[in-house]
Protein backbone atom coordinates (compact mmCIF):
# COMPACT_ATOMS: atom_id res chain seq x y z
CA MET A 1 -19.35 -17.24 -2.54
CA SER A 2 -17.09 -14.68 -4.20
CA GLN A 3 -17.41 -10.99 -3.52
CA LEU A 4 -18.03 -8.44 -6.22
CA ARG A 5 -14.80 -7.23 -7.77
CA GLY A 6 -13.85 -3.77 -6.52
CA LYS A 7 -16.16 -3.86 -3.49
CA SER A 8 -14.20 -5.80 -0.87
CA SER A 9 -11.21 -4.96 1.26
CA ILE A 10 -8.10 -7.08 1.28
CA MET A 11 -8.11 -9.72 4.00
CA SER A 12 -4.32 -9.90 4.45
CA GLY A 13 -4.35 -8.25 7.85
CA ASP A 14 -3.08 -4.99 6.39
CA ASP A 15 -5.97 -2.54 6.33
CA THR A 16 -3.86 0.13 4.59
CA ARG A 17 -4.43 -1.51 1.23
CA VAL A 18 -7.92 -1.04 -0.14
CA ARG A 19 -9.51 -2.33 -3.32
CA GLY A 20 -11.81 -0.03 -5.28
CA ALA A 21 -9.56 3.04 -5.34
CA PRO A 22 -9.29 5.29 -8.43
CA VAL A 23 -7.48 4.08 -11.54
CA GLY A 24 -3.70 4.45 -11.43
CA GLY A 25 -0.79 2.96 -9.51
CA PRO A 26 0.42 1.55 -7.27
CA TYR A 27 -0.66 -2.04 -7.81
CA ALA A 28 -0.11 -5.37 -6.09
CA TYR A 29 -0.55 -9.05 -6.97
CA ARG A 30 -3.01 -10.93 -4.72
CA CYS A 31 -2.98 -14.74 -4.35
CA PRO A 32 -6.09 -15.93 -2.52
CA GLN A 33 -4.80 -19.49 -2.18
CA CYS A 34 -1.67 -18.40 -0.28
CA ARG A 35 -3.52 -15.46 1.30
CA THR A 36 -0.67 -13.14 0.34
CA THR A 37 -0.39 -9.76 -1.31
CA SER A 38 2.81 -8.56 -2.94
CA GLU A 39 4.54 -5.32 -2.06
CA PRO A 40 3.09 -2.36 -3.98
CA MET A 41 4.50 -1.72 -7.47
CA GLU A 42 4.08 1.38 -9.60
CA THR A 43 2.63 -0.31 -12.69
CA LYS A 44 0.17 -3.08 -13.52
CA PRO A 45 2.72 -4.89 -15.73
CA ALA A 46 5.15 -5.01 -12.78
CA ALA A 47 2.43 -6.49 -10.55
CA ARG A 48 1.54 -9.02 -13.27
CA ALA A 49 5.21 -10.00 -13.52
CA GLU A 50 5.25 -10.50 -9.74
CA GLY A 51 2.21 -12.76 -10.12
CA HIS A 52 3.91 -14.74 -12.87
CA GLU A 53 6.97 -15.28 -10.66
CA HIS A 54 4.77 -16.25 -7.69
CA ARG A 55 2.87 -18.82 -9.79
CA ARG A 56 6.14 -20.25 -11.11
CA LEU A 57 7.68 -20.59 -7.65
CA PHE A 58 4.70 -21.69 -5.56
CA HIS A 59 2.08 -23.15 -7.91
CA GLY A 60 4.07 -24.86 -10.67
CA GLY A 61 2.98 -22.16 -13.13
CA HIS A 62 -0.73 -22.82 -12.54
CA HIS A 63 -3.15 -19.93 -11.92
CA PRO A 64 -4.82 -20.05 -8.47
CA ASP A 65 -8.57 -19.40 -8.64
CA GLY A 66 -9.36 -15.80 -7.79
CA GLU A 67 -5.86 -14.36 -8.21
CA GLU A 68 -5.81 -10.73 -9.26
CA VAL A 69 -3.85 -7.53 -9.61
CA ILE A 70 -5.33 -4.89 -7.36
CA ARG A 71 -4.84 -1.17 -6.91
CA VAL A 72 -3.51 -0.33 -3.47
CA GLU A 73 -3.78 2.83 -1.45
CA TYR A 74 -1.34 3.97 1.17
CA ALA A 75 -2.59 5.08 4.57
CA PRO A 76 -1.30 8.35 5.96
CA LYS A 77 1.73 7.94 8.19
CA GLY A 78 1.36 8.28 11.92
CA TRP A 79 4.03 9.56 14.29
CA SER A 80 5.15 6.01 15.17
CA ASP A 81 5.41 5.08 11.47
CA MET A 82 7.84 7.91 10.69
CA GLU A 83 11.57 7.49 10.28
CA PRO A 84 13.66 9.30 12.94
CA TRP A 85 14.76 11.96 10.43
CA GLU A 86 11.11 12.60 9.49
CA ARG A 87 10.21 13.10 13.16
CA ALA A 88 13.15 15.44 13.69
CA LEU A 89 12.22 17.46 10.61
CA SER A 90 8.58 17.68 11.76
CA VAL A 91 9.63 18.97 15.18
CA ALA A 92 12.01 21.49 13.56
CA VAL A 93 9.26 22.83 11.29
CA ILE A 94 6.80 23.13 14.19
CA LEU A 95 9.42 24.93 16.32
CA ALA A 96 10.26 27.31 13.46
CA LEU A 97 6.57 28.13 13.01
CA ALA A 98 6.08 28.64 16.75
CA ILE A 99 9.14 30.91 17.04
CA GLY A 100 8.07 32.88 13.98
CA LEU A 101 4.58 33.34 15.42
CA MET A 102 6.00 34.45 18.79
CA ILE A 103 8.27 37.02 17.09
CA LYS A 104 5.40 38.32 14.96
CA LEU A 105 2.97 38.64 17.88
CA GLY A 106 5.52 39.57 20.57
């Protein structure tokens, strides 16, 4: 009943992380038994180390069936996902462009 590797999306409730993306970081450790996915890490070895620590803490060092290191992909940020300083900077850039356009055309 397993899905083909690289063809399924992660079922952790976070649809921003997608399996099957191009080669390269970031990576995450996925434990199907706990139904958890680690935070993204820049390298595969870092994600493997996270998996080793997870197995040691939660599974007595045993390897859960189906565990894997996956490549994750970030979703673009929306307005509500931005930090306050990012929103302020975005508004400042838009205002500067609008004022510049008004001066040029006016």
